[in-house]
Amino acid sequence: MDFAKWFAQRFRDLRNSEGMTQSEYAEISGIGIATVERIERGRTMPNIRTCLLIAQTFGMTLSELFEEYI
């Protein structure tokens, strides 16, 4: 699986495990809803700042966010 597809699935799984909709996640994290949608569809890869926001929103470090891929 390529990295973009893996990250899209990882992000979606984390959000769903918290029981959040895309809109709820966007509001909580401060990441725009359009960006959340594009990430989950694998159409864009987030920059490092956005990755940090994603990790922080889920209460994890960047390395924890990516550890399953490595």
PDB file of N, CA and C in Angstrom:
ATOM      1  N   MET A   1       0.849  -1.176   0.000  1.00  0.00           N
ATOM      2  CA  MET A   1       0.000   0.000   0.000  1.00  0.00           C
ATOM      3  C   MET A   1       0.892   1.235   0.000  1.00  0.00           C
ATOM      4  N   ASP A   2       0.568   2.190  -0.866  1.00  0.00           N
ATOM      5  CA  ASP A   2       1.390   3.396  -0.871  1.00  0.00           C
ATOM      6  C   ASP A   2       1.087   4.257   0.358  1.00  0.00           C
ATOM      7  N   PHE A   3       1.996   5.137   0.659  1.00  0.00           N
ATOM      8  CA  PHE A   3       1.916   5.906   1.892  1.00  0.00           C
ATOM      9  C   PHE A   3       0.664   6.768   1.972  1.00  0.00           C
ATOM     10  N   ALA A   4       0.277   7.431   0.889  1.00  0.00           N
ATOM     11  CA  ALA A   4      -0.908   8.296   0.921  1.00  0.00           C
ATOM     12  C   ALA A   4      -2.161   7.496   1.261  1.00  0.00           C
ATOM     13  N   LYS A   5      -2.295   6.321   0.673  1.00  0.00           N
ATOM     14  CA  LYS A   5      -3.464   5.480   0.968  1.00  0.00           C
ATOM     15  C   LYS A   5      -3.411   4.980   2.407  1.00  0.00           C
ATOM     16  N   TRP A   6      -2.213   4.589   2.846  1.00  0.00           N
ATOM     17  CA  TRP A   6      -2.078   4.144   4.220  1.00  0.00           C
ATOM     18  C   TRP A   6      -2.453   5.256   5.193  1.00  0.00           C
ATOM     19  N   PHE A   7      -1.931   6.464   4.957  1.00  0.00           N
ATOM     20  CA  PHE A   7      -2.209   7.568   5.867  1.00  0.00           C
ATOM     21  C   PHE A   7      -3.688   7.924   5.868  1.00  0.00           C
ATOM     22  N   ALA A   8      -4.317   7.900   4.705  1.00  0.00           N
ATOM     23  CA  ALA A   8      -5.756   8.183   4.618  1.00  0.00           C
ATOM     24  C   ALA A   8      -6.537   7.207   5.492  1.00  0.00           C
ATOM     25  N   GLN A   9      -6.203   5.933   5.396  1.00  0.00           N
ATOM     26  CA  GLN A   9      -6.889   4.915   6.202  1.00  0.00           C
ATOM     27  C   GLN A   9      -6.587   5.076   7.686  1.00  0.00           C
ATOM     28  N   ARG A  10      -5.343   5.358   8.014  1.00  0.00           N
ATOM     29  CA  ARG A  10      -4.945   5.564   9.416  1.00  0.00           C
ATOM     30  C   ARG A  10      -5.708   6.730  10.030  1.00  0.00           C
ATOM     31  N   PHE A  11      -5.759   7.829   9.300  1.00  0.00           N
ATOM     32  CA  PHE A  11      -6.463   9.020   9.766  1.00  0.00           C
ATOM     33  C   PHE A  11      -7.944   8.717   9.972  1.00  0.00           C
ATOM     34  N   ARG A  12      -8.576   8.078   9.001  1.00  0.00           N
ATOM     35  CA  ARG A  12      -9.996   7.726   9.073  1.00  0.00           C
ATOM     36  C   ARG A  12     -10.264   6.788  10.254  1.00  0.00           C
ATOM     37  N   ASP A  13      -9.401   5.783  10.429  1.00  0.00           N
ATOM     38  CA  ASP A  13      -9.577   4.843  11.537  1.00  0.00           C
ATOM     39  C   ASP A  13      -9.470   5.544  12.892  1.00  0.00           C
ATOM     40  N   LEU A  14      -8.497   6.436  13.030  1.00  0.00           N
ATOM     41  CA  LEU A  14      -8.351   7.171  14.292  1.00  0.00           C
ATOM     42  C   LEU A  14      -9.573   8.038  14.570  1.00  0.00           C
ATOM     43  N   ARG A  15     -10.036   8.754  13.549  1.00  0.00           N
ATOM     44  CA  ARG A  15     -11.207   9.609  13.725  1.00  0.00           C
ATOM     45  C   ARG A  15     -12.434   8.790  14.089  1.00  0.00           C
ATOM     46  N   ASN A  16     -12.628   7.692  13.384  1.00  0.00           N
ATOM     47  CA  ASN A  16     -13.788   6.838  13.665  1.00  0.00           C
ATOM     48  C   ASN A  16     -13.706   6.204  15.047  1.00  0.00           C
ATOM     49  N   SER A  17     -12.506   5.856  15.488  1.00  0.00           N
ATOM     50  CA  SER A  17     -12.349   5.250  16.816  1.00  0.00           C
ATOM     51  C   SER A  17     -12.738   6.222  17.923  1.00  0.00           C
ATOM     52  N   GLU A  18     -12.651   7.502  17.621  1.00  0.00           N
ATOM     53  CA  GLU A  18     -13.065   8.532  18.581  1.00  0.00           C
ATOM     54  C   GLU A  18     -14.543   8.894  18.421  1.00  0.00           C
ATOM     55  N   GLY A  19     -15.194   8.292  17.427  1.00  0.00           N
ATOM     56  CA  GLY A  19     -16.619   8.537  17.207  1.00  0.00           C
ATOM     57  C   GLY A  19     -16.930   9.918  16.665  1.00  0.00           C
ATOM     58  N   MET A  20     -15.982  10.502  15.945  1.00  0.00           N
ATOM     59  CA  MET A  20     -16.166  11.858  15.412  1.00  0.00           C
ATOM     60  C   MET A  20     -16.493  11.828  13.931  1.00  0.00           C
ATOM     61  N   THR A  21     -17.352  12.751  13.535  1.00  0.00           N
ATOM     62  CA  THR A  21     -17.581  12.980  12.112  1.00  0.00           C
ATOM     63  C   THR A  21     -16.422  13.813  11.582  1.00  0.00           C
ATOM     64  N   GLN A  22     -16.334  13.923  10.272  1.00  0.00           N
ATOM     65  CA  GLN A  22     -15.301  14.780   9.693  1.00  0.00           C
ATOM     66  C   GLN A  22     -15.479  16.212  10.163  1.00  0.00           C
ATOM     67  N   SER A  23     -16.708  16.686  10.216  1.00  0.00           N
ATOM     68  CA  SER A  23     -16.972  18.062  10.657  1.00  0.00           C
ATOM     69  C   SER A  23     -16.563  18.282  12.104  1.00  0.00           C
ATOM     70  N   GLU A  24     -16.889  17.331  12.961  1.00  0.00           N
ATOM     71  CA  GLU A  24     -16.512  17.446  14.369  1.00  0.00           C
ATOM     72  C   GLU A  24     -14.993  17.460  14.516  1.00  0.00           C
ATOM     73  N   TYR A  25     -14.334  16.576  13.776  1.00  0.00           N
ATOM     74  CA  TYR A  25     -12.881  16.538  13.847  1.00  0.00           C
ATOM     75  C   TYR A  25     -12.276  17.853  13.387  1.00  0.00           C
ATOM     76  N   ALA A  26     -12.777  18.386  12.279  1.00  0.00           N
ATOM     77  CA  ALA A  26     -12.264  19.651  11.751  1.00  0.00           C
ATOM     78  C   ALA A  26     -12.408  20.762  12.783  1.00  0.00           C
ATOM     79  N   GLU A  27     -13.546  20.812  13.440  1.00  0.00           N
ATOM     80  CA  GLU A  27     -13.784  21.856  14.436  1.00  0.00           C
ATOM     81  C   GLU A  27     -12.846  21.712  15.637  1.00  0.00           C
ATOM     82  N   ILE A  28     -12.684  20.499  16.112  1.00  0.00           N
ATOM     83  CA  ILE A  28     -11.829  20.250  17.285  1.00  0.00           C
ATOM     84  C   ILE A  28     -10.358  20.516  16.977  1.00  0.00           C
ATOM     85  N   SER A  29      -9.912  20.088  15.807  1.00  0.00           N
ATOM     86  CA  SER A  29      -8.487  20.169  15.475  1.00  0.00           C
ATOM     87  C   SER A  29      -8.058  21.523  14.915  1.00  0.00           C
ATOM     88  N   GLY A  30      -9.003  22.242  14.334  1.00  0.00           N
ATOM     89  CA  GLY A  30      -8.647  23.494  13.674  1.00  0.00           C
ATOM     90  C   GLY A  30      -8.194  23.302  12.241  1.00  0.00           C
ATOM     91  N   ILE A  31      -8.308  22.076  11.748  1.00  0.00           N
ATOM     92  CA  ILE A  31      -7.984  21.781  10.354  1.00  0.00           C
ATOM     93  C   ILE A  31      -9.259  21.947   9.545  1.00  0.00           C
ATOM     94  N   GLY A  32      -9.183  22.609   8.427  1.00  0.00           N
ATOM     95  CA  GLY A  32     -10.372  22.860   7.618  1.00  0.00           C
ATOM     96  C   GLY A  32     -11.043  21.581   7.151  1.00  0.00           C
ATOM     97  N   ILE A  33     -12.362  21.606   7.062  1.00  0.00           N
ATOM     98  CA  ILE A  33     -13.121  20.428   6.646  1.00  0.00           C
ATOM     99  C   ILE A  33     -12.692  19.947   5.258  1.00  0.00           C
ATOM    100  N   ALA A  34     -12.417  20.857   4.347  1.00  0.00           N
ATOM    101  CA  ALA A  34     -11.995  20.454   2.998  1.00  0.00           C
ATOM    102  C   ALA A  34     -10.669  19.686   3.065  1.00  0.00           C
ATOM    103  N   THR A  35      -9.774  20.106   3.941  1.00  0.00           N
ATOM    104  CA  THR A  35      -8.499  19.419   4.104  1.00  0.00           C
ATOM    105  C   THR A  35      -8.711  18.040   4.704  1.00  0.00           C
ATOM    106  N   VAL A  36      -9.563  17.946   5.706  1.00  0.00           N
ATOM    107  CA  VAL A  36      -9.880  16.648   6.317  1.00  0.00           C
ATOM    108  C   VAL A  36     -10.411  15.694   5.253  1.00  0.00           C
ATOM    109  N   GLU A  37     -11.341  16.173   4.437  1.00  0.00           N
ATOM    110  CA  GLU A  37     -11.919  15.335   3.382  1.00  0.00           C
ATOM    111  C   GLU A  37     -10.855  14.884   2.389  1.00  0.00           C
ATOM    112  N   ARG A  38      -9.988  15.793   1.967  1.00  0.00           N
ATOM    113  CA  ARG A  38      -8.938  15.440   0.997  1.00  0.00           C
ATOM    114  C   ARG A  38      -7.940  14.443   1.579  1.00  0.00           C
ATOM    115  N   ILE A  39      -7.588  14.608   2.853  1.00  0.00           N
ATOM    116  CA  ILE A  39      -6.671  13.668   3.493  1.00  0.00           C
ATOM    117  C   ILE A  39      -7.300  12.277   3.531  1.00  0.00           C
ATOM    118  N   GLU A  40      -8.559  12.197   3.936  1.00  0.00           N
ATOM    119  CA  GLU A  40      -9.223  10.897   4.049  1.00  0.00           C
ATOM    120  C   GLU A  40      -9.438  10.224   2.702  1.00  0.00           C
ATOM    121  N   ARG A  41      -9.476  10.977   1.659  1.00  0.00           N
ATOM    122  CA  ARG A  41      -9.619  10.392   0.321  1.00  0.00           C
ATOM    123  C   ARG A  41      -8.265  10.088  -0.307  1.00  0.00           C
ATOM    124  N   GLY A  42      -7.192  10.442   0.381  1.00  0.00           N
ATOM    125  CA  GLY A  42      -5.859  10.208  -0.137  1.00  0.00           C
ATOM    126  C   GLY A  42      -5.490  11.143  -1.269  1.00  0.00           C
ATOM    127  N   ARG A  43      -6.193  12.261  -1.373  1.00  0.00           N
ATOM    128  CA  ARG A  43      -5.927  13.224  -2.444  1.00  0.00           C
ATOM    129  C   ARG A  43      -4.850  14.223  -2.104  1.00  0.00           C
ATOM    130  N   THR A  44      -4.519  14.318  -0.821  1.00  0.00           N
ATOM    131  CA  THR A  44      -3.460  15.225  -0.401  1.00  0.00           C
ATOM    132  C   THR A  44      -2.762  14.634   0.814  1.00  0.00           C
ATOM    133  N   MET A  45      -1.503  14.950   0.933  1.00  0.00           N
ATOM    134  CA  MET A  45      -0.755  14.577   2.119  1.00  0.00           C
ATOM    135  C   MET A  45      -0.583  15.834   2.957  1.00  0.00           C
ATOM    136  N   PRO A  46      -0.867  15.730   4.248  1.00  0.00           N
ATOM    137  CA  PRO A  46      -0.736  16.912   5.096  1.00  0.00           C
ATOM    138  C   PRO A  46       0.728  17.304   5.284  1.00  0.00           C
ATOM    139  N   ASN A  47       0.948  18.604   5.465  1.00  0.00           N
ATOM    140  CA  ASN A  47       2.300  19.063   5.771  1.00  0.00           C
ATOM    141  C   ASN A  47       2.624  18.716   7.227  1.00  0.00           C
ATOM    142  N   ILE A  48       3.829  18.986   7.645  1.00  0.00           N
ATOM    143  CA  ILE A  48       4.266  18.586   8.983  1.00  0.00           C
ATOM    144  C   ILE A  48       3.451  19.279  10.074  1.00  0.00           C
ATOM    145  N   ARG A  49       3.085  20.521   9.861  1.00  0.00           N
ATOM    146  CA  ARG A  49       2.269  21.245  10.847  1.00  0.00           C
ATOM    147  C   ARG A  49       0.925  20.563  11.022  1.00  0.00           C
ATOM    148  N   THR A  50       0.297  20.178   9.920  1.00  0.00           N
ATOM    149  CA  THR A  50      -0.998  19.516   9.979  1.00  0.00           C
ATOM    150  C   THR A  50      -0.857  18.133  10.610  1.00  0.00           C
ATOM    151  N   CYS A  51       0.219  17.427  10.295  1.00  0.00           N
ATOM    152  CA  CYS A  51       0.466  16.128  10.929  1.00  0.00           C
ATOM    153  C   CYS A  51       0.582  16.284  12.442  1.00  0.00           C
ATOM    154  N   LEU A  52       1.254  17.331  12.869  1.00  0.00           N
ATOM    155  CA  LEU A  52       1.386  17.590  14.301  1.00  0.00           C
ATOM    156  C   LEU A  52       0.019  17.859  14.929  1.00  0.00           C
ATOM    157  N   LEU A  53      -0.819  18.642  14.262  1.00  0.00           N
ATOM    158  CA  LEU A  53      -2.177  18.891  14.762  1.00  0.00           C
ATOM    159  C   LEU A  53      -2.976  17.598  14.843  1.00  0.00           C
ATOM    160  N   ILE A  54      -2.841  16.762  13.839  1.00  0.00           N
ATOM    161  CA  ILE A  54      -3.553  15.477  13.832  1.00  0.00           C
ATOM    162  C   ILE A  54      -3.107  14.642  15.032  1.00  0.00           C
ATOM    163  N   ALA A  55      -1.809  14.516  15.206  1.00  0.00           N
ATOM    164  CA  ALA A  55      -1.282  13.731  16.326  1.00  0.00           C
ATOM    165  C   ALA A  55      -1.764  14.291  17.658  1.00  0.00           C
ATOM    166  N   GLN A  56      -1.664  15.601  17.834  1.00  0.00           N
ATOM    167  CA  GLN A  56      -2.067  16.228  19.093  1.00  0.00           C
ATOM    168  C   GLN A  56      -3.553  16.030  19.363  1.00  0.00           C
ATOM    169  N   THR A  57      -4.363  16.116  18.337  1.00  0.00           N
ATOM    170  CA  THR A  57      -5.805  15.940  18.509  1.00  0.00           C
ATOM    171  C   THR A  57      -6.117  14.542  19.027  1.00  0.00           C
ATOM    172  N   PHE A  58      -5.338  13.565  18.600  1.00  0.00           N
ATOM    173  CA  PHE A  58      -5.551  12.187  19.057  1.00  0.00           C
ATOM    174  C   PHE A  58      -4.709  11.841  20.283  1.00  0.00           C
ATOM    175  N   GLY A  59      -4.029  12.828  20.849  1.00  0.00           N
ATOM    176  CA  GLY A  59      -3.257  12.620  22.071  1.00  0.00           C
ATOM    177  C   GLY A  59      -2.047  11.730  21.880  1.00  0.00           C
ATOM    178  N   MET A  60      -1.377  11.902  20.734  1.00  0.00           N
ATOM    179  CA  MET A  60      -0.198  11.083  20.463  1.00  0.00           C
ATOM    180  C   MET A  60       0.915  11.934  19.891  1.00  0.00           C
ATOM    181  N   THR A  61       2.088  11.337  19.835  1.00  0.00           N
ATOM    182  CA  THR A  61       3.234  12.007  19.224  1.00  0.00           C
ATOM    183  C   THR A  61       3.230  11.738  17.719  1.00  0.00           C
ATOM    184  N   LEU A  62       4.077  12.470  17.005  1.00  0.00           N
ATOM    185  CA  LEU A  62       4.207  12.212  15.572  1.00  0.00           C
ATOM    186  C   LEU A  62       4.695  10.790  15.320  1.00  0.00           C
ATOM    187  N   SER A  63       5.628  10.325  16.125  1.00  0.00           N
ATOM    188  CA  SER A  63       6.134   8.975  15.889  1.00  0.00           C
ATOM    189  C   SER A  63       5.037   7.938  16.123  1.00  0.00           C
ATOM    190  N   GLU A  64       4.178   8.152  17.089  1.00  0.00           N
ATOM    191  CA  GLU A  64       3.058   7.238  17.314  1.00  0.00           C
ATOM    192  C   GLU A  64       2.072   7.276  16.147  1.00  0.00           C
ATOM    193  N   LEU A  65       1.880   8.445  15.573  1.00  0.00           N
ATOM    194  CA  LEU A  65       0.977   8.572  14.437  1.00  0.00           C
ATOM    195  C   LEU A  65       1.449   7.723  13.263  1.00  0.00           C
ATOM    196  N   PHE A  66       2.771   7.681  13.061  1.00  0.00           N
ATOM    197  CA  PHE A  66       3.325   6.976  11.893  1.00  0.00           C
ATOM    198  C   PHE A  66       3.891   5.593  12.217  1.00  0.00           C
ATOM    199  N   GLU A  67       3.919   5.185  13.467  1.00  0.00           N
ATOM    200  CA  GLU A  67       4.623   3.968  13.839  1.00  0.00           C
ATOM    201  C   GLU A  67       4.105   2.691  13.156  1.00  0.00           C
ATOM    202  N   GLU A  68       2.847   2.613  12.861  1.00  0.00           N
ATOM    203  CA  GLU A  68       2.324   1.398  12.237  1.00  0.00           C
ATOM    204  C   GLU A  68       2.804   1.249  10.798  1.00  0.00           C
ATOM    205  N   TYR A  69       3.221   2.331  10.175  1.00  0.00           N
ATOM    206  CA  TYR A  69       3.703   2.261   8.794  1.00  0.00           C
ATOM    207  C   TYR A  69       5.153   1.810   8.739  1.00  0.00           C
ATOM    208  N   ILE A  70       5.892   2.230   9.742  1.00  0.00           N
ATOM    209  CA  ILE A  70       7.341   1.995   9.738  1.00  0.00           C
ATOM    210  C   ILE A  70       7.676   0.582  10.064  1.00  0.00           C
TER     211      ILE A  70
END
